[in-house]
PDB file of N, CA and C in Angstrom:
ATOM      1  N   UNK A   1      21.447 -11.962  92.199  1.00  0.00           N
ATOM      2  CA  UNK A   1      20.026 -11.875  91.910  1.00  0.00           C
ATOM      3  C   UNK A   1      19.660 -12.995  90.938  1.00  0.00           C
ATOM      4  N   UNK A   2      18.588 -13.689  91.243  1.00  0.00           N
ATOM      5  CA  UNK A   2      18.184 -14.803  90.384  1.00  0.00           C
ATOM      6  C   UNK A   2      17.163 -14.337  89.361  1.00  0.00           C
ATOM      7  N   UNK A   3      17.145 -15.022  88.244  1.00  0.00           N
ATOM      8  CA  UNK A   3      16.211 -14.720  87.165  1.00  0.00           C
ATOM      9  C   UNK A   3      14.891 -15.420  87.458  1.00  0.00           C
ATOM     10  N   UNK A   4      13.789 -14.672  87.635  1.00  0.00           N
ATOM     11  CA  UNK A   4      12.510 -15.310  87.981  1.00  0.00           C
ATOM     12  C   UNK A   4      11.974 -16.219  86.876  1.00  0.00           C
ATOM     13  N   UNK A   5      12.414 -15.997  85.639  1.00  0.00           N
ATOM     14  CA  UNK A   5      11.920 -16.818  84.540  1.00  0.00           C
ATOM     15  C   UNK A   5      12.569 -18.198  84.519  1.00  0.00           C
ATOM     16  N   UNK A   6      13.682 -18.348  85.192  1.00  0.00           N
ATOM     17  CA  UNK A   6      14.354 -19.644  85.219  1.00  0.00           C
ATOM     18  C   UNK A   6      13.543 -20.682  85.990  1.00  0.00           C
ATOM     19  N   UNK A   7      12.737 -20.240  86.935  1.00  0.00           N
ATOM     20  CA  UNK A   7      11.952 -21.165  87.760  1.00  0.00           C
ATOM     21  C   UNK A   7      10.568 -21.433  87.178  1.00  0.00           C
ATOM     22  N   UNK A   8      10.241 -20.837  86.029  1.00  0.00           N
ATOM     23  CA  UNK A   8       8.915 -21.035  85.434  1.00  0.00           C
ATOM     24  C   UNK A   8       8.918 -22.256  84.518  1.00  0.00           C
ATOM     25  N   UNK A   9       7.807 -22.949  84.554  1.00  0.00           N
ATOM     26  CA  UNK A   9       7.662 -24.089  83.653  1.00  0.00           C
ATOM     27  C   UNK A   9       7.298 -23.565  82.260  1.00  0.00           C
ATOM     28  N   UNK A  10       7.488 -24.383  81.222  1.00  0.00           N
ATOM     29  CA  UNK A  10       7.090 -23.947  79.878  1.00  0.00           C
ATOM     30  C   UNK A  10       5.622 -23.539  79.804  1.00  0.00           C
ATOM     31  N   UNK A  11       4.764 -24.211  80.541  1.00  0.00           N
ATOM     32  CA  UNK A  11       3.330 -23.885  80.535  1.00  0.00           C
ATOM     33  C   UNK A  11       3.104 -22.498  81.163  1.00  0.00           C
ATOM     34  N   UNK A  12       3.851 -22.194  82.230  1.00  0.00           N
ATOM     35  CA  UNK A  12       3.711 -20.883  82.873  1.00  0.00           C
ATOM     36  C   UNK A  12       4.204 -19.768  81.960  1.00  0.00           C
ATOM     37  N   UNK A  13       5.277 -20.013  81.236  1.00  0.00           N
ATOM     38  CA  UNK A  13       5.795 -19.014  80.291  1.00  0.00           C
ATOM     39  C   UNK A  13       4.780 -18.788  79.176  1.00  0.00           C
ATOM     40  N   UNK A  14       4.192 -19.870  78.656  1.00  0.00           N
ATOM     41  CA  UNK A  14       3.179 -19.754  77.600  1.00  0.00           C
ATOM     42  C   UNK A  14       1.977 -18.968  78.105  1.00  0.00           C
ATOM     43  N   UNK A  15       1.525 -19.276  79.301  1.00  0.00           N
ATOM     44  CA  UNK A  15       0.379 -18.574  79.885  1.00  0.00           C
ATOM     45  C   UNK A  15       0.677 -17.080  80.030  1.00  0.00           C
ATOM     46  N   UNK A  16       1.878 -16.756  80.482  1.00  0.00           N
ATOM     47  CA  UNK A  16       2.239 -15.357  80.663  1.00  0.00           C
ATOM     48  C   UNK A  16       2.294 -14.626  79.317  1.00  0.00           C
ATOM     49  N   UNK A  17       2.890 -15.232  78.312  1.00  0.00           N
ATOM     50  CA  UNK A  17       3.018 -14.568  77.016  1.00  0.00           C
ATOM     51  C   UNK A  17       1.670 -14.401  76.320  1.00  0.00           C
ATOM     52  N   UNK A  18       0.725 -15.233  76.632  1.00  0.00           N
ATOM     53  CA  UNK A  18      -0.604 -15.096  76.028  1.00  0.00           C
ATOM     54  C   UNK A  18      -1.350 -13.891  76.589  1.00  0.00           C
ATOM     55  N   UNK A  19      -0.956 -13.415  77.747  1.00  0.00           N
ATOM     56  CA  UNK A  19      -1.605 -12.232  78.341  1.00  0.00           C
ATOM     57  C   UNK A  19      -1.021 -10.929  77.799  1.00  0.00           C
ATOM     58  N   UNK A  20       0.109 -11.008  77.111  1.00  0.00           N
ATOM     59  CA  UNK A  20       0.756  -9.803  76.588  1.00  0.00           C
ATOM     60  C   UNK A  20      -0.040  -9.230  75.430  1.00  0.00           C
ATOM     61  N   UNK A  21      -0.068  -7.913  75.338  1.00  0.00           N
ATOM     62  CA  UNK A  21      -0.745  -7.228  74.241  1.00  0.00           C
ATOM     63  C   UNK A  21       0.321  -6.476  73.454  1.00  0.00           C
ATOM     64  N   UNK A  22       0.448  -6.772  72.173  1.00  0.00           N
ATOM     65  CA  UNK A  22       1.432  -6.128  71.322  1.00  0.00           C
ATOM     66  C   UNK A  22       0.755  -5.058  70.483  1.00  0.00           C
ATOM     67  N   UNK A  23       1.418  -3.909  70.386  1.00  0.00           N
ATOM     68  CA  UNK A  23       0.910  -2.814  69.556  1.00  0.00           C
ATOM     69  C   UNK A  23       2.054  -2.252  68.730  1.00  0.00           C
ATOM     70  N   UNK A  24       1.716  -1.385  67.774  1.00  0.00           N
ATOM     71  CA  UNK A  24       2.736  -0.714  66.962  1.00  0.00           C
ATOM     72  C   UNK A  24       3.073   0.660  67.528  1.00  0.00           C
ATOM     73  N   UNK A  25       2.515   0.984  68.688  1.00  0.00           N
ATOM     74  CA  UNK A  25       2.779   2.295  69.280  1.00  0.00           C
ATOM     75  C   UNK A  25       4.233   2.395  69.723  1.00  0.00           C
ATOM     76  N   UNK A  26       4.785   3.591  69.550  1.00  0.00           N
ATOM     77  CA  UNK A  26       6.158   3.830  69.993  1.00  0.00           C
ATOM     78  C   UNK A  26       6.195   3.847  71.518  1.00  0.00           C
ATOM     79  N   UNK A  27       7.257   3.331  72.049  1.00  0.00           N
ATOM     80  CA  UNK A  27       7.421   3.306  73.496  1.00  0.00           C
ATOM     81  C   UNK A  27       8.553   4.246  73.851  1.00  0.00           C
ATOM     82  N   UNK A  28       8.245   5.195  74.723  1.00  0.00           N
ATOM     83  CA  UNK A  28       9.270   6.111  75.191  1.00  0.00           C
ATOM     84  C   UNK A  28       9.769   5.620  76.524  1.00  0.00           C
ATOM     85  N   UNK A  29      11.055   5.458  76.620  1.00  0.00           N
ATOM     86  CA  UNK A  29      11.616   5.036  77.887  1.00  0.00           C
ATOM     87  C   UNK A  29      12.427   6.178  78.473  1.00  0.00           C
ATOM     88  N   UNK A  30      12.278   6.366  79.745  1.00  0.00           N
ATOM     89  CA  UNK A  30      13.086   7.353  80.443  1.00  0.00           C
ATOM     90  C   UNK A  30      13.621   6.695  81.693  1.00  0.00           C
ATOM     91  N   UNK A  31      14.889   6.846  81.877  1.00  0.00           N
ATOM     92  CA  UNK A  31      15.502   6.308  83.072  1.00  0.00           C
ATOM     93  C   UNK A  31      15.684   7.455  84.059  1.00  0.00           C
ATOM     94  N   UNK A  32      15.361   7.198  85.289  1.00  0.00           N
ATOM     95  CA  UNK A  32      15.537   8.214  86.305  1.00  0.00           C
ATOM     96  C   UNK A  32      16.344   7.633  87.442  1.00  0.00           C
ATOM     97  N   UNK A  33      16.916   8.496  88.187  1.00  0.00           N
ATOM     98  CA  UNK A  33      17.702   8.069  89.325  1.00  0.00           C
ATOM     99  C   UNK A  33      18.947   8.914  89.458  1.00  0.00           C
ATOM    100  N   UNK A  34      19.652   8.747  90.551  1.00  0.00           N
ATOM    101  CA  UNK A  34      20.817   9.598  90.795  1.00  0.00           C
ATOM    102  C   UNK A  34      21.966   9.363  89.824  1.00  0.00           C
ATOM    103  N   UNK A  35      22.048   8.177  89.215  1.00  0.00           N
ATOM    104  CA  UNK A  35      23.154   7.875  88.309  1.00  0.00           C
ATOM    105  C   UNK A  35      22.810   8.139  86.852  1.00  0.00           C
ATOM    106  N   UNK A  36      21.618   8.635  86.580  1.00  0.00           N
ATOM    107  CA  UNK A  36      21.181   8.855  85.211  1.00  0.00           C
ATOM    108  C   UNK A  36      21.548  10.267  84.768  1.00  0.00           C
ATOM    109  N   UNK A  37      22.398  10.355  83.787  1.00  0.00           N
ATOM    110  CA  UNK A  37      22.795  11.662  83.248  1.00  0.00           C
ATOM    111  C   UNK A  37      21.819  12.057  82.148  1.00  0.00           C
ATOM    112  N   UNK A  38      21.544  13.348  82.006  1.00  0.00           N
ATOM    113  CA  UNK A  38      20.640  13.764  80.931  1.00  0.00           C
ATOM    114  C   UNK A  38      21.279  13.502  79.563  1.00  0.00           C
ATOM    115  N   UNK A  39      20.460  13.241  78.587  1.00  0.00           N
ATOM    116  CA  UNK A  39      20.951  13.041  77.233  1.00  0.00           C
ATOM    117  C   UNK A  39      21.220  14.421  76.641  1.00  0.00           C
ATOM    118  N   UNK A  40      22.432  14.644  76.183  1.00  0.00           N
ATOM    119  CA  UNK A  40      22.811  15.933  75.615  1.00  0.00           C
ATOM    120  C   UNK A  40      22.901  15.797  74.096  1.00  0.00           C
ATOM    121  N   UNK A  41      22.224  16.679  73.397  1.00  0.00           N
ATOM    122  CA  UNK A  41      22.192  16.682  71.946  1.00  0.00           C
ATOM    123  C   UNK A  41      23.220  17.699  71.449  1.00  0.00           C
ATOM    124  N   UNK A  42      24.187  17.297  70.644  1.00  0.00           N
ATOM    125  CA  UNK A  42      25.176  18.262  70.151  1.00  0.00           C
ATOM    126  C   UNK A  42      24.557  19.225  69.148  1.00  0.00           C
ATOM    127  N   UNK A  43      24.918  20.483  69.262  1.00  0.00           N
ATOM    128  CA  UNK A  43      24.458  21.524  68.341  1.00  0.00           C
ATOM    129  C   UNK A  43      25.667  22.320  67.892  1.00  0.00           C
ATOM    130  N   UNK A  44      25.649  22.749  66.678  1.00  0.00           N
ATOM    131  CA  UNK A  44      26.707  23.603  66.164  1.00  0.00           C
ATOM    132  C   UNK A  44      26.236  25.043  66.270  1.00  0.00           C
ATOM    133  N   UNK A  45      27.069  25.880  66.878  1.00  0.00           N
ATOM    134  CA  UNK A  45      26.723  27.294  67.026  1.00  0.00           C
ATOM    135  C   UNK A  45      27.810  28.105  66.344  1.00  0.00           C
ATOM    136  N   UNK A  46      27.414  28.940  65.405  1.00  0.00           N
ATOM    137  CA  UNK A  46      28.388  29.776  64.699  1.00  0.00           C
ATOM    138  C   UNK A  46      28.375  31.157  65.336  1.00  0.00           C
ATOM    139  N   UNK A  47      29.585  31.679  65.597  1.00  0.00           N
ATOM    140  CA  UNK A  47      29.700  33.007  66.181  1.00  0.00           C
ATOM    141  C   UNK A  47      30.997  33.639  65.710  1.00  0.00           C
ATOM    142  N   UNK A  48      31.041  34.954  65.724  1.00  0.00           N
ATOM    143  CA  UNK A  48      32.279  35.632  65.324  1.00  0.00           C
ATOM    144  C   UNK A  48      33.422  35.256  66.271  1.00  0.00           C
ATOM    145  N   UNK A  49      34.637  35.344  65.755  1.00  0.00           N
ATOM    146  CA  UNK A  49      35.826  34.947  66.518  1.00  0.00           C
ATOM    147  C   UNK A  49      35.933  35.684  67.851  1.00  0.00           C
ATOM    148  N   UNK A  50      35.675  36.997  67.863  1.00  0.00           N
ATOM    149  CA  UNK A  50      35.807  37.759  69.116  1.00  0.00           C
ATOM    150  C   UNK A  50      34.761  37.326  70.152  1.00  0.00           C
ATOM    151  N   UNK A  51      33.570  36.970  69.697  1.00  0.00           N
ATOM    152  CA  UNK A  51      32.545  36.486  70.614  1.00  0.00           C
ATOM    153  C   UNK A  51      32.922  35.112  71.154  1.00  0.00           C
ATOM    154  N   UNK A  52      33.499  34.275  70.307  1.00  0.00           N
ATOM    155  CA  UNK A  52      33.936  32.953  70.739  1.00  0.00           C
ATOM    156  C   UNK A  52      35.028  33.075  71.802  1.00  0.00           C
ATOM    157  N   UNK A  53      35.990  33.971  71.587  1.00  0.00           N
ATOM    158  CA  UNK A  53      37.053  34.170  72.579  1.00  0.00           C
ATOM    159  C   UNK A  53      36.478  34.665  73.903  1.00  0.00           C
ATOM    160  N   UNK A  54      35.562  35.616  73.822  1.00  0.00           N
ATOM    161  CA  UNK A  54      34.952  36.156  75.041  1.00  0.00           C
ATOM    162  C   UNK A  54      34.141  35.075  75.758  1.00  0.00           C
ATOM    163  N   UNK A  55      33.453  34.233  74.998  1.00  0.00           N
ATOM    164  CA  UNK A  55      32.652  33.145  75.570  1.00  0.00           C
ATOM    165  C   UNK A  55      33.558  32.150  76.291  1.00  0.00           C
ATOM    166  N   UNK A  56      34.669  31.765  75.665  1.00  0.00           N
ATOM    167  CA  UNK A  56      35.620  30.834  76.282  1.00  0.00           C
ATOM    168  C   UNK A  56      36.204  31.424  77.555  1.00  0.00           C
ATOM    169  N   UNK A  57      36.551  32.703  77.493  1.00  0.00           N
ATOM    170  CA  UNK A  57      37.137  33.367  78.659  1.00  0.00           C
ATOM    171  C   UNK A  57      36.148  33.424  79.817  1.00  0.00           C
ATOM    172  N   UNK A  58      34.909  33.811  79.511  1.00  0.00           N
ATOM    173  CA  UNK A  58      33.882  33.909  80.563  1.00  0.00           C
ATOM    174  C   UNK A  58      33.604  32.543  81.169  1.00  0.00           C
ATOM    175  N   UNK A  59      33.506  31.526  80.329  1.00  0.00           N
ATOM    176  CA  UNK A  59      33.253  30.165  80.818  1.00  0.00           C
ATOM    177  C   UNK A  59      34.397  29.722  81.726  1.00  0.00           C
ATOM    178  N   UNK A  60      35.629  29.983  81.322  1.00  0.00           N
ATOM    179  CA  UNK A  60      36.785  29.602  82.129  1.00  0.00           C
ATOM    180  C   UNK A  60      36.775  30.330  83.470  1.00  0.00           C
ATOM    181  N   UNK A  61      36.430  31.614  83.459  1.00  0.00           N
ATOM    182  CA  UNK A  61      36.356  32.389  84.703  1.00  0.00           C
ATOM    183  C   UNK A  61      35.307  31.827  85.659  1.00  0.00           C
ATOM    184  N   UNK A  62      34.267  31.219  85.111  1.00  0.00           N
ATOM    185  CA  UNK A  62      33.203  30.629  85.927  1.00  0.00           C
ATOM    186  C   UNK A  62      33.484  29.164  86.265  1.00  0.00           C
ATOM    187  N   UNK A  63      34.595  28.633  85.743  1.00  0.00           N
ATOM    188  CA  UNK A  63      34.922  27.235  86.004  1.00  0.00           C
ATOM    189  C   UNK A  63      34.033  26.277  85.237  1.00  0.00           C
ATOM    190  N   UNK A  64      33.583  26.705  84.077  1.00  0.00           N
ATOM    191  CA  UNK A  64      32.677  25.899  83.266  1.00  0.00           C
ATOM    192  C   UNK A  64      33.302  25.661  81.902  1.00  0.00           C
ATOM    193  N   UNK A  65      32.805  24.631  81.220  1.00  0.00           N
ATOM    194  CA  UNK A  65      33.187  24.467  79.816  1.00  0.00           C
ATOM    195  C   UNK A  65      32.370  25.476  79.009  1.00  0.00           C
ATOM    196  N   UNK A  66      32.816  25.734  77.801  1.00  0.00           N
ATOM    197  CA  UNK A  66      32.078  26.657  76.954  1.00  0.00           C
ATOM    198  C   UNK A  66      30.668  26.124  76.681  1.00  0.00           C
ATOM    199  N   UNK A  67      30.565  24.827  76.516  1.00  0.00           N
ATOM    200  CA  UNK A  67      29.270  24.200  76.267  1.00  0.00           C
ATOM    201  C   UNK A  67      28.334  24.383  77.474  1.00  0.00           C
ATOM    202  N   UNK A  68      28.869  24.146  78.680  1.00  0.00           N
ATOM    203  CA  UNK A  68      28.060  24.339  79.892  1.00  0.00           C
ATOM    204  C   UNK A  68      27.608  25.784  80.024  1.00  0.00           C
ATOM    205  N   UNK A  69      28.508  26.704  79.710  1.00  0.00           N
ATOM    206  CA  UNK A  69      28.194  28.130  79.814  1.00  0.00           C
ATOM    207  C   UNK A  69      27.064  28.514  78.850  1.00  0.00           C
ATOM    208  N   UNK A  70      27.195  28.106  77.600  1.00  0.00           N
ATOM    209  CA  UNK A  70      26.158  28.423  76.604  1.00  0.00           C
ATOM    210  C   UNK A  70      24.835  27.785  77.005  1.00  0.00           C
ATOM    211  N   UNK A  71      24.886  26.524  77.467  1.00  0.00           N
ATOM    212  CA  UNK A  71      23.675  25.832  77.903  1.00  0.00           C
ATOM    213  C   UNK A  71      23.010  26.570  79.063  1.00  0.00           C
ATOM    214  N   UNK A  72      23.816  27.074  80.006  1.00  0.00           N
ATOM    215  CA  UNK A  72      23.247  27.796  81.147  1.00  0.00           C
ATOM    216  C   UNK A  72      22.559  29.087  80.706  1.00  0.00           C
ATOM    217  N   UNK A  73      23.140  29.749  79.701  1.00  0.00           N
ATOM    218  CA  UNK A  73      22.520  30.979  79.192  1.00  0.00           C
ATOM    219  C   UNK A  73      21.174  30.682  78.521  1.00  0.00           C
ATOM    220  N   UNK A  74      21.137  29.601  77.761  1.00  0.00           N
ATOM    221  CA  UNK A  74      19.885  29.214  77.099  1.00  0.00           C
ATOM    222  C   UNK A  74      18.835  28.838  78.140  1.00  0.00           C
ATOM    223  N   UNK A  75      19.232  28.040  79.144  1.00  0.00           N
ATOM    224  CA  UNK A  75      18.295  27.644  80.201  1.00  0.00           C
ATOM    225  C   UNK A  75      17.760  28.870  80.935  1.00  0.00           C
ATOM    226  N   UNK A  76      18.653  29.813  81.212  1.00  0.00           N
ATOM    227  CA  UNK A  76      18.234  31.037  81.908  1.00  0.00           C
ATOM    228  C   UNK A  76      17.231  31.827  81.074  1.00  0.00           C
ATOM    229  N   UNK A  77      17.513  31.979  79.783  1.00  0.00           N
ATOM    230  CA  UNK A  77      16.607  32.726  78.910  1.00  0.00           C
ATOM    231  C   UNK A  77      15.248  32.058  78.803  1.00  0.00           C
ATOM    232  N   UNK A  78      15.233  30.749  78.633  1.00  0.00           N
ATOM    233  CA  UNK A  78      13.960  30.030  78.512  1.00  0.00           C
ATOM    234  C   UNK A  78      13.169  30.122  79.810  1.00  0.00           C
ATOM    235  N   UNK A  79      13.862  29.960  80.934  1.00  0.00           N
ATOM    236  CA  UNK A  79      13.173  30.047  82.227  1.00  0.00           C
ATOM    237  C   UNK A  79      12.644  31.456  82.464  1.00  0.00           C
ATOM    238  N   UNK A  80      13.409  32.461  82.091  1.00  0.00           N
ATOM    239  CA  UNK A  80      12.993  33.852  82.271  1.00  0.00           C
ATOM    240  C   UNK A  80      11.794  34.180  81.387  1.00  0.00           C
ATOM    241  N   UNK A  81      11.763  33.581  80.206  1.00  0.00           N
ATOM    242  CA  UNK A  81      10.646  33.830  79.284  1.00  0.00           C
ATOM    243  C   UNK A  81       9.366  33.145  79.760  1.00  0.00           C
ATOM    244  N   UNK A  82       9.483  32.256  80.741  1.00  0.00           N
ATOM    245  CA  UNK A  82       8.302  31.589  81.288  1.00  0.00           C
ATOM    246  C   UNK A  82       7.738  30.501  80.407  1.00  0.00           C
ATOM    247  N   UNK A  83       8.541  29.960  79.512  1.00  0.00           N
ATOM    248  CA  UNK A  83       8.036  28.916  78.610  1.00  0.00           C
ATOM    249  C   UNK A  83       8.599  27.541  78.939  1.00  0.00           C
ATOM    250  N   UNK A  84       9.355  27.450  80.016  1.00  0.00           N
ATOM    251  CA  UNK A  84       9.974  26.169  80.372  1.00  0.00           C
ATOM    252  C   UNK A  84       9.330  25.598  81.618  1.00  0.00           C
ATOM    253  N   UNK A  85       9.629  24.336  81.850  1.00  0.00           N
ATOM    254  CA  UNK A  85       9.234  23.719  83.108  1.00  0.00           C
ATOM    255  C   UNK A  85      10.077  24.356  84.203  1.00  0.00           C
ATOM    256  N   UNK A  86       9.646  24.184  85.431  1.00  0.00           N
ATOM    257  CA  UNK A  86      10.416  24.738  86.531  1.00  0.00           C
ATOM    258  C   UNK A  86      11.823  24.149  86.531  1.00  0.00           C
ATOM    259  N   UNK A  87      12.786  24.997  86.836  1.00  0.00           N
ATOM    260  CA  UNK A  87      14.181  24.563  86.815  1.00  0.00           C
ATOM    261  C   UNK A  87      14.469  23.522  87.874  1.00  0.00           C
ATOM    262  N   UNK A  88      15.326  22.557  87.528  1.00  0.00           N
ATOM    263  CA  UNK A  88      15.780  21.614  88.548  1.00  0.00           C
ATOM    264  C   UNK A  88      16.642  22.350  89.572  1.00  0.00           C
ATOM    265  N   UNK A  89      16.792  21.785  90.739  1.00  0.00           N
ATOM    266  CA  UNK A  89      17.547  22.425  91.821  1.00  0.00           C
ATOM    267  C   UNK A  89      18.995  22.696  91.412  1.00  0.00           C
ATOM    268  N   UNK A  90      19.610  21.787  90.639  1.00  0.00           N
ATOM    269  CA  UNK A  90      21.012  21.991  90.262  1.00  0.00           C
ATOM    270  C   UNK A  90      21.174  23.196  89.368  1.00  0.00           C
ATOM    271  N   UNK A  91      20.166  23.494  88.529  1.00  0.00           N
ATOM    272  CA  UNK A  91      20.243  24.676  87.661  1.00  0.00           C
ATOM    273  C   UNK A  91      20.139  25.939  88.504  1.00  0.00           C
ATOM    274  N   UNK A  92      19.226  25.939  89.469  1.00  0.00           N
ATOM    275  CA  UNK A  92      19.092  27.093  90.356  1.00  0.00           C
ATOM    276  C   UNK A  92      20.385  27.355  91.118  1.00  0.00           C
ATOM    277  N   UNK A  93      21.018  26.279  91.591  1.00  0.00           N
ATOM    278  CA  UNK A  93      22.270  26.429  92.331  1.00  0.00           C
ATOM    279  C   UNK A  93      23.370  26.975  91.426  1.00  0.00           C
ATOM    280  N   UNK A  94      23.439  26.479  90.208  1.00  0.00           N
ATOM    281  CA  UNK A  94      24.446  26.946  89.256  1.00  0.00           C
ATOM    282  C   UNK A  94      24.250  28.421  88.938  1.00  0.00           C
ATOM    283  N   UNK A  95      23.015  28.818  88.702  1.00  0.00           N
ATOM    284  CA  UNK A  95      22.755  30.223  88.397  1.00  0.00           C
ATOM    285  C   UNK A  95      23.060  31.122  89.590  1.00  0.00           C
ATOM    286  N   UNK A  96      22.843  30.628  90.791  1.00  0.00           N
ATOM    287  CA  UNK A  96      23.180  31.401  91.986  1.00  0.00           C
ATOM    288  C   UNK A  96      24.682  31.614  92.083  1.00  0.00           C
ATOM    289  N   UNK A  97      25.458  30.586  91.760  1.00  0.00           N
ATOM    290  CA  UNK A  97      26.924  30.711  91.765  1.00  0.00           C
ATOM    291  C   UNK A  97      27.367  31.713  90.710  1.00  0.00           C
ATOM    292  N   UNK A  98      26.780  31.625  89.529  1.00  0.00           N
ATOM    293  CA  UNK A  98      27.124  32.556  88.452  1.00  0.00           C
ATOM    294  C   UNK A  98      26.802  33.988  88.877  1.00  0.00           C
ATOM    295  N   UNK A  99      25.617  34.202  89.424  1.00  0.00           N
ATOM    296  CA  UNK A  99      25.227  35.544  89.852  1.00  0.00           C
ATOM    297  C   UNK A  99      26.172  36.058  90.931  1.00  0.00           C
ATOM    298  N   UNK A 100      26.580  35.187  91.837  1.00  0.00           N
ATOM    299  CA  UNK A 100      27.506  35.586  92.900  1.00  0.00           C
ATOM    300  C   UNK A 100      28.828  36.048  92.304  1.00  0.00           C
ATOM    301  N   UNK A 101      29.361  35.292  91.355  1.00  0.00           N
ATOM    302  CA  UNK A 101      30.636  35.641  90.741  1.00  0.00           C
ATOM    303  C   UNK A 101      30.519  36.868  89.836  1.00  0.00           C
ATOM    304  N   UNK A 102      29.369  37.086  89.232  1.00  0.00           N
ATOM    305  CA  UNK A 102      29.186  38.272  88.396  1.00  0.00           C
ATOM    306  C   UNK A 102      29.317  39.539  89.224  1.00  0.00           C
ATOM    307  N   UNK A 103      28.984  39.463  90.498  1.00  0.00           N
ATOM    308  CA  UNK A 103      29.049  40.636  91.364  1.00  0.00           C
ATOM    309  C   UNK A 103      30.416  40.816  92.018  1.00  0.00           C
ATOM    310  N   UNK A 104      31.339  39.898  91.824  1.00  0.00           N
ATOM    311  CA  UNK A 104      32.664  40.006  92.432  1.00  0.00           C
ATOM    312  C   UNK A 104      33.365  41.304  92.049  1.00  0.00           C
ATOM    313  N   UNK A 105      33.350  41.652  90.775  1.00  0.00           N
ATOM    314  CA  UNK A 105      34.037  42.873  90.322  1.00  0.00           C
ATOM    315  C   UNK A 105      33.402  44.113  90.930  1.00  0.00           C
ATOM    316  N   UNK A 106      32.064  44.108  91.056  1.00  0.00           N
ATOM    317  CA  UNK A 106      31.379  45.267  91.624  1.00  0.00           C
ATOM    318  C   UNK A 106      31.737  45.448  93.094  1.00  0.00           C
ATOM    319  N   UNK A 107      31.838  44.337  93.825  1.00  0.00           N
ATOM    320  CA  UNK A 107      32.172  44.420  95.236  1.00  0.00           C
ATOM    321  C   UNK A 107      33.619  44.873  95.438  1.00  0.00           C
ATOM    322  N   UNK A 108      34.524  44.427  94.585  1.00  0.00           N
ATOM    323  CA  UNK A 108      35.927  44.815  94.693  1.00  0.00           C
ATOM    324  C   UNK A 108      36.107  46.302  94.403  1.00  0.00           C
ATOM    325  N   UNK A 109      35.299  46.831  93.491  1.00  0.00           N
ATOM    326  CA  UNK A 109      35.430  48.243  93.093  1.00  0.00           C
ATOM    327  C   UNK A 109      34.885  49.178  94.181  1.00  0.00           C
ATOM    328  N   UNK A 110      33.941  48.699  95.000  1.00  0.00           N
ATOM    329  CA  UNK A 110      33.343  49.615  95.973  1.00  0.00           C
ATOM    330  C   UNK A 110      34.070  49.647  97.279  1.00  0.00           C
TER     331      UNK A 110
END
């Protein structure tokens, strides 16, 4: 891929830069696309030892990391409370898998 600015004359570059408007406003950039991973903010969560063990065990049973498991619970609660944007398709699919596995013990018992 060639750089379009390499073919511009100094006069063309000057003309282009004179049309630019500079402000002190903050610019928010968001990258989208299939290769763009969401930005994850680390949070510290304190919990009793027995709850931590149970959380790790449940996450492992679901094939998730503890962080993914906790995040899914928060996403589910926010979505259920009706205060979030509509869930992305991957979240819906993940919750469907979780719900399916939650019923495994019930189906085995009956």
